[in-house]
Amino acid sequence: MDRVIDAGALRACMERIFEKEGFSSEDARAIADVLMQADLFGIESHGAQRLMTITGTSGRAA
């Protein structure tokens, strides 16, 4: 069963994680937007799941 997560909530969470990892607010927003676009276009391999690869973390910083 697929799980549905609100796109705005996921984007905000990713932005917080990127900021905590040292990215500027502007860069965090841009990266989160690109990852969200990939997910929304159905290209999940290049979407939010890339978070751990980009930050080198589990994504639990938020």
PDB file of N, CA and C in Angstrom:
ATOM      1  N   MET A   1       0.841  -1.176   0.000  1.00  0.00           N
ATOM      2  CA  MET A   1       0.000   0.000   0.000  1.00  0.00           C
ATOM      3  C   MET A   1       0.888   1.242   0.000  1.00  0.00           C
ATOM      4  N   ASP A   2       0.591   2.162  -0.900  1.00  0.00           N
ATOM      5  CA  ASP A   2       1.329   3.415  -0.968  1.00  0.00           C
ATOM      6  C   ASP A   2       0.884   4.342   0.153  1.00  0.00           C
ATOM      7  N   ARG A   3       1.808   5.147   0.614  1.00  0.00           N
ATOM      8  CA  ARG A   3       1.515   6.124   1.648  1.00  0.00           C
ATOM      9  C   ARG A   3       1.510   7.507   1.018  1.00  0.00           C
ATOM     10  N   VAL A   4       0.516   8.316   1.317  1.00  0.00           N
ATOM     11  CA  VAL A   4       0.411   9.659   0.758  1.00  0.00           C
ATOM     12  C   VAL A   4       0.850  10.671   1.817  1.00  0.00           C
ATOM     13  N   ILE A   5       1.787  11.527   1.421  1.00  0.00           N
ATOM     14  CA  ILE A   5       2.296  12.568   2.311  1.00  0.00           C
ATOM     15  C   ILE A   5       2.033  13.907   1.638  1.00  0.00           C
ATOM     16  N   ASP A   6       1.552  14.865   2.390  1.00  0.00           N
ATOM     17  CA  ASP A   6       1.287  16.192   1.861  1.00  0.00           C
ATOM     18  C   ASP A   6       2.576  16.794   1.296  1.00  0.00           C
ATOM     19  N   ALA A   7       2.528  17.242   0.042  1.00  0.00           N
ATOM     20  CA  ALA A   7       3.711  17.768  -0.635  1.00  0.00           C
ATOM     21  C   ALA A   7       4.291  18.980   0.097  1.00  0.00           C
ATOM     22  N   GLY A   8       3.437  19.857   0.581  1.00  0.00           N
ATOM     23  CA  GLY A   8       3.920  21.038   1.297  1.00  0.00           C
ATOM     24  C   GLY A   8       4.633  20.680   2.585  1.00  0.00           C
ATOM     25  N   ALA A   9       4.098  19.709   3.307  1.00  0.00           N
ATOM     26  CA  ALA A   9       4.730  19.277   4.555  1.00  0.00           C
ATOM     27  C   ALA A   9       6.079  18.617   4.279  1.00  0.00           C
ATOM     28  N   LEU A  10       6.142  17.802   3.231  1.00  0.00           N
ATOM     29  CA  LEU A  10       7.401  17.138   2.887  1.00  0.00           C
ATOM     30  C   LEU A  10       8.442  18.158   2.446  1.00  0.00           C
ATOM     31  N   ARG A  11       8.028  19.123   1.628  1.00  0.00           N
ATOM     32  CA  ARG A  11       8.956  20.164   1.177  1.00  0.00           C
ATOM     33  C   ARG A  11       9.505  20.939   2.373  1.00  0.00           C
ATOM     34  N   ALA A  12       8.640  21.325   3.300  1.00  0.00           N
ATOM     35  CA  ALA A  12       9.075  22.074   4.482  1.00  0.00           C
ATOM     36  C   ALA A  12      10.043  21.256   5.329  1.00  0.00           C
ATOM     37  N   CYS A  13       9.768  19.977   5.472  1.00  0.00           N
ATOM     38  CA  CYS A  13      10.648  19.097   6.242  1.00  0.00           C
ATOM     39  C   CYS A  13      12.017  19.004   5.576  1.00  0.00           C
ATOM     40  N   MET A  14      12.030  18.814   4.258  1.00  0.00           N
ATOM     41  CA  MET A  14      13.305  18.730   3.548  1.00  0.00           C
ATOM     42  C   MET A  14      14.082  20.035   3.677  1.00  0.00           C
ATOM     43  N   GLU A  15      13.404  21.163   3.580  1.00  0.00           N
ATOM     44  CA  GLU A  15      14.078  22.457   3.726  1.00  0.00           C
ATOM     45  C   GLU A  15      14.752  22.564   5.089  1.00  0.00           C
ATOM     46  N   ARG A  16      14.041  22.170   6.148  1.00  0.00           N
ATOM     47  CA  ARG A  16      14.619  22.225   7.503  1.00  0.00           C
ATOM     48  C   ARG A  16      15.844  21.334   7.607  1.00  0.00           C
ATOM     49  N   ILE A  17      15.761  20.143   7.038  1.00  0.00           N
ATOM     50  CA  ILE A  17      16.899  19.213   7.088  1.00  0.00           C
ATOM     51  C   ILE A  17      18.098  19.806   6.360  1.00  0.00           C
ATOM     52  N   PHE A  18      17.885  20.346   5.166  1.00  0.00           N
ATOM     53  CA  PHE A  18      18.991  20.927   4.416  1.00  0.00           C
ATOM     54  C   PHE A  18      19.601  22.109   5.163  1.00  0.00           C
ATOM     55  N   GLU A  19      18.769  22.934   5.780  1.00  0.00           N
ATOM     56  CA  GLU A  19      19.283  24.065   6.546  1.00  0.00           C
ATOM     57  C   GLU A  19      20.109  23.580   7.734  1.00  0.00           C
ATOM     58  N   LYS A  20      19.637  22.552   8.423  1.00  0.00           N
ATOM     59  CA  LYS A  20      20.384  22.011   9.563  1.00  0.00           C
ATOM     60  C   LYS A  20      21.688  21.360   9.122  1.00  0.00           C
ATOM     61  N   GLU A  21      21.738  20.948   7.871  1.00  0.00           N
ATOM     62  CA  GLU A  21      22.967  20.359   7.325  1.00  0.00           C
ATOM     63  C   GLU A  21      23.919  21.428   6.808  1.00  0.00           C
ATOM     64  N   GLY A  22      23.523  22.719   6.915  1.00  0.00           N
ATOM     65  CA  GLY A  22      24.418  23.806   6.570  1.00  0.00           C
ATOM     66  C   GLY A  22      24.136  24.509   5.261  1.00  0.00           C
ATOM     67  N   PHE A  23      23.088  24.111   4.543  1.00  0.00           N
ATOM     68  CA  PHE A  23      22.724  24.809   3.312  1.00  0.00           C
ATOM     69  C   PHE A  23      22.027  26.120   3.667  1.00  0.00           C
ATOM     70  N   SER A  24      22.216  27.129   2.833  1.00  0.00           N
ATOM     71  CA  SER A  24      21.503  28.387   3.049  1.00  0.00           C
ATOM     72  C   SER A  24      20.009  28.147   2.845  1.00  0.00           C
ATOM     73  N   SER A  25      19.179  29.053   3.355  1.00  0.00           N
ATOM     74  CA  SER A  25      17.732  28.920   3.184  1.00  0.00           C
ATOM     75  C   SER A  25      17.362  28.891   1.710  1.00  0.00           C
ATOM     76  N   GLU A  26      18.017  29.726   0.925  1.00  0.00           N
ATOM     77  CA  GLU A  26      17.740  29.781  -0.512  1.00  0.00           C
ATOM     78  C   GLU A  26      18.105  28.462  -1.200  1.00  0.00           C
ATOM     79  N   ASP A  27      19.277  27.926  -0.875  1.00  0.00           N
ATOM     80  CA  ASP A  27      19.694  26.653  -1.473  1.00  0.00           C
ATOM     81  C   ASP A  27      18.803  25.509  -0.998  1.00  0.00           C
ATOM     82  N   ALA A  28      18.456  25.516   0.288  1.00  0.00           N
ATOM     83  CA  ALA A  28      17.590  24.466   0.830  1.00  0.00           C
ATOM     84  C   ALA A  28      16.250  24.447   0.113  1.00  0.00           C
ATOM     85  N   ARG A  29      15.702  25.622  -0.135  1.00  0.00           N
ATOM     86  CA  ARG A  29      14.422  25.734  -0.834  1.00  0.00           C
ATOM     87  C   ARG A  29      14.552  25.236  -2.279  1.00  0.00           C
ATOM     88  N   ALA A  30      15.636  25.609  -2.948  1.00  0.00           N
ATOM     89  CA  ALA A  30      15.839  25.197  -4.339  1.00  0.00           C
ATOM     90  C   ALA A  30      16.006  23.684  -4.456  1.00  0.00           C
ATOM     91  N   ILE A  31      16.791  23.100  -3.571  1.00  0.00           N
ATOM     92  CA  ILE A  31      17.004  21.653  -3.613  1.00  0.00           C
ATOM     93  C   ILE A  31      15.701  20.917  -3.324  1.00  0.00           C
ATOM     94  N   ALA A  32      14.984  21.367  -2.299  1.00  0.00           N
ATOM     95  CA  ALA A  32      13.710  20.732  -1.952  1.00  0.00           C
ATOM     96  C   ALA A  32      12.722  20.839  -3.110  1.00  0.00           C
ATOM     97  N   ASP A  33      12.693  21.976  -3.791  1.00  0.00           N
ATOM     98  CA  ASP A  33      11.787  22.153  -4.928  1.00  0.00           C
ATOM     99  C   ASP A  33      12.108  21.172  -6.056  1.00  0.00           C
ATOM    100  N   VAL A  34      13.388  21.002  -6.353  1.00  0.00           N
ATOM    101  CA  VAL A  34      13.786  20.077  -7.418  1.00  0.00           C
ATOM    102  C   VAL A  34      13.389  18.639  -7.053  1.00  0.00           C
ATOM    103  N   LEU A  35      13.656  18.251  -5.819  1.00  0.00           N
ATOM    104  CA  LEU A  35      13.308  16.889  -5.389  1.00  0.00           C
ATOM    105  C   LEU A  35      11.796  16.682  -5.412  1.00  0.00           C
ATOM    106  N   MET A  36      11.045  17.702  -4.985  1.00  0.00           N
ATOM    107  CA  MET A  36       9.584  17.583  -4.998  1.00  0.00           C
ATOM    108  C   MET A  36       9.052  17.477  -6.423  1.00  0.00           C
ATOM    109  N   GLN A  37       9.608  18.262  -7.346  1.00  0.00           N
ATOM    110  CA  GLN A  37       9.167  18.194  -8.740  1.00  0.00           C
ATOM    111  C   GLN A  37       9.373  16.784  -9.288  1.00  0.00           C
ATOM    112  N   ALA A  38      10.512  16.188  -8.982  1.00  0.00           N
ATOM    113  CA  ALA A  38      10.772  14.824  -9.457  1.00  0.00           C
ATOM    114  C   ALA A  38       9.714  13.871  -8.915  1.00  0.00           C
ATOM    115  N   ASP A  39       9.419  13.961  -7.631  1.00  0.00           N
ATOM    116  CA  ASP A  39       8.389  13.085  -7.044  1.00  0.00           C
ATOM    117  C   ASP A  39       7.027  13.332  -7.674  1.00  0.00           C
ATOM    118  N   LEU A  40       6.667  14.594  -7.835  1.00  0.00           N
ATOM    119  CA  LEU A  40       5.352  14.917  -8.385  1.00  0.00           C
ATOM    120  C   LEU A  40       5.213  14.511  -9.845  1.00  0.00           C
ATOM    121  N   PHE A  41       6.344  14.433 -10.562  1.00  0.00           N
ATOM    122  CA  PHE A  41       6.331  13.957 -11.947  1.00  0.00           C
ATOM    123  C   PHE A  41       6.421  12.439 -12.019  1.00  0.00           C
ATOM    124  N   GLY A  42       6.495  11.775 -10.862  1.00  0.00           N
ATOM    125  CA  GLY A  42       6.536  10.323 -10.825  1.00  0.00           C
ATOM    126  C   GLY A  42       7.929   9.735 -10.993  1.00  0.00           C
ATOM    127  N   ILE A  43       8.955  10.560 -10.867  1.00  0.00           N
ATOM    128  CA  ILE A  43      10.335  10.086 -10.990  1.00  0.00           C
ATOM    129  C   ILE A  43      10.895   9.941  -9.571  1.00  0.00           C
ATOM    130  N   GLU A  44      10.374   8.965  -8.863  1.00  0.00           N
ATOM    131  CA  GLU A  44      10.687   8.822  -7.442  1.00  0.00           C
ATOM    132  C   GLU A  44      12.159   8.536  -7.165  1.00  0.00           C
ATOM    133  N   SER A  45      12.853   7.942  -8.125  1.00  0.00           N
ATOM    134  CA  SER A  45      14.275   7.643  -7.928  1.00  0.00           C
ATOM    135  C   SER A  45      15.120   8.911  -7.807  1.00  0.00           C
ATOM    136  N   HIS A  46      14.574  10.048  -8.229  1.00  0.00           N
ATOM    137  CA  HIS A  46      15.305  11.309  -8.169  1.00  0.00           C
ATOM    138  C   HIS A  46      14.575  12.330  -7.306  1.00  0.00           C
ATOM    139  N   GLY A  47      13.697  11.857  -6.444  1.00  0.00           N
ATOM    140  CA  GLY A  47      12.919  12.743  -5.593  1.00  0.00           C
ATOM    141  C   GLY A  47      13.413  12.755  -4.160  1.00  0.00           C
ATOM    142  N   ALA A  48      12.475  12.787  -3.240  1.00  0.00           N
ATOM    143  CA  ALA A  48      12.784  12.919  -1.815  1.00  0.00           C
ATOM    144  C   ALA A  48      13.695  11.811  -1.288  1.00  0.00           C
ATOM    145  N   GLN A  49      13.671  10.661  -1.923  1.00  0.00           N
ATOM    146  CA  GLN A  49      14.534   9.580  -1.430  1.00  0.00           C
ATOM    147  C   GLN A  49      16.017   9.919  -1.603  1.00  0.00           C
ATOM    148  N   ARG A  50      16.342  10.930  -2.409  1.00  0.00           N
ATOM    149  CA  ARG A  50      17.733  11.358  -2.596  1.00  0.00           C
ATOM    150  C   ARG A  50      18.224  12.175  -1.394  1.00  0.00           C
ATOM    151  N   LEU A  51      17.335  12.514  -0.494  1.00  0.00           N
ATOM    152  CA  LEU A  51      17.679  13.327   0.674  1.00  0.00           C
ATOM    153  C   LEU A  51      18.878  12.762   1.423  1.00  0.00           C
ATOM    154  N   MET A  52      18.856  11.472   1.682  1.00  0.00           N
ATOM    155  CA  MET A  52      19.950  10.859   2.443  1.00  0.00           C
ATOM    156  C   MET A  52      21.264  10.913   1.671  1.00  0.00           C
ATOM    157  N   THR A  53      21.205  10.766   0.364  1.00  0.00           N
ATOM    158  CA  THR A  53      22.410  10.823  -0.452  1.00  0.00           C
ATOM    159  C   THR A  53      23.007  12.223  -0.439  1.00  0.00           C
ATOM    160  N   ILE A  54      22.158  13.225  -0.548  1.00  0.00           N
ATOM    161  CA  ILE A  54      22.625  14.610  -0.600  1.00  0.00           C
ATOM    162  C   ILE A  54      23.203  15.055   0.731  1.00  0.00           C
ATOM    163  N   THR A  55      22.548  14.709   1.815  1.00  0.00           N
ATOM    164  CA  THR A  55      22.980  15.188   3.133  1.00  0.00           C
ATOM    165  C   THR A  55      23.929  14.224   3.837  1.00  0.00           C
ATOM    166  N   GLY A  56      23.925  12.965   3.418  1.00  0.00           N
ATOM    167  CA  GLY A  56      24.744  11.976   4.100  1.00  0.00           C
ATOM    168  C   GLY A  56      24.195  11.610   5.466  1.00  0.00           C
ATOM    169  N   THR A  57      22.886  11.856   5.665  1.00  0.00           N
ATOM    170  CA  THR A  57      22.247  11.563   6.947  1.00  0.00           C
ATOM    171  C   THR A  57      21.016  10.687   6.729  1.00  0.00           C
ATOM    172  N   SER A  58      20.397  10.323   7.824  1.00  0.00           N
ATOM    173  CA  SER A  58      19.165   9.552   7.753  1.00  0.00           C
ATOM    174  C   SER A  58      17.957  10.436   7.485  1.00  0.00           C
ATOM    175  N   GLY A  59      18.157  11.762   7.510  1.00  0.00           N
ATOM    176  CA  GLY A  59      17.047  12.676   7.311  1.00  0.00           C
ATOM    177  C   GLY A  59      16.277  12.949   8.582  1.00  0.00           C
ATOM    178  N   ARG A  60      16.764  12.502   9.719  1.00  0.00           N
ATOM    179  CA  ARG A  60      16.051  12.671  10.979  1.00  0.00           C
ATOM    180  C   ARG A  60      16.393  13.975  11.676  1.00  0.00           C
ATOM    181  N   ALA A  61      17.165  14.829  11.019  1.00  0.00           N
ATOM    182  CA  ALA A  61      17.594  16.092  11.643  1.00  0.00           C
ATOM    183  C   ALA A  61      16.440  17.051  11.863  1.00  0.00           C
ATOM    184  N   ALA A  62      15.377  16.924  11.090  1.00  0.00           N
ATOM    185  CA  ALA A  62      14.261  17.853  11.234  1.00  0.00           C
ATOM    186  C   ALA A  62      13.458  17.454  12.432  1.00  0.00           C
TER     187      ALA A  62
END
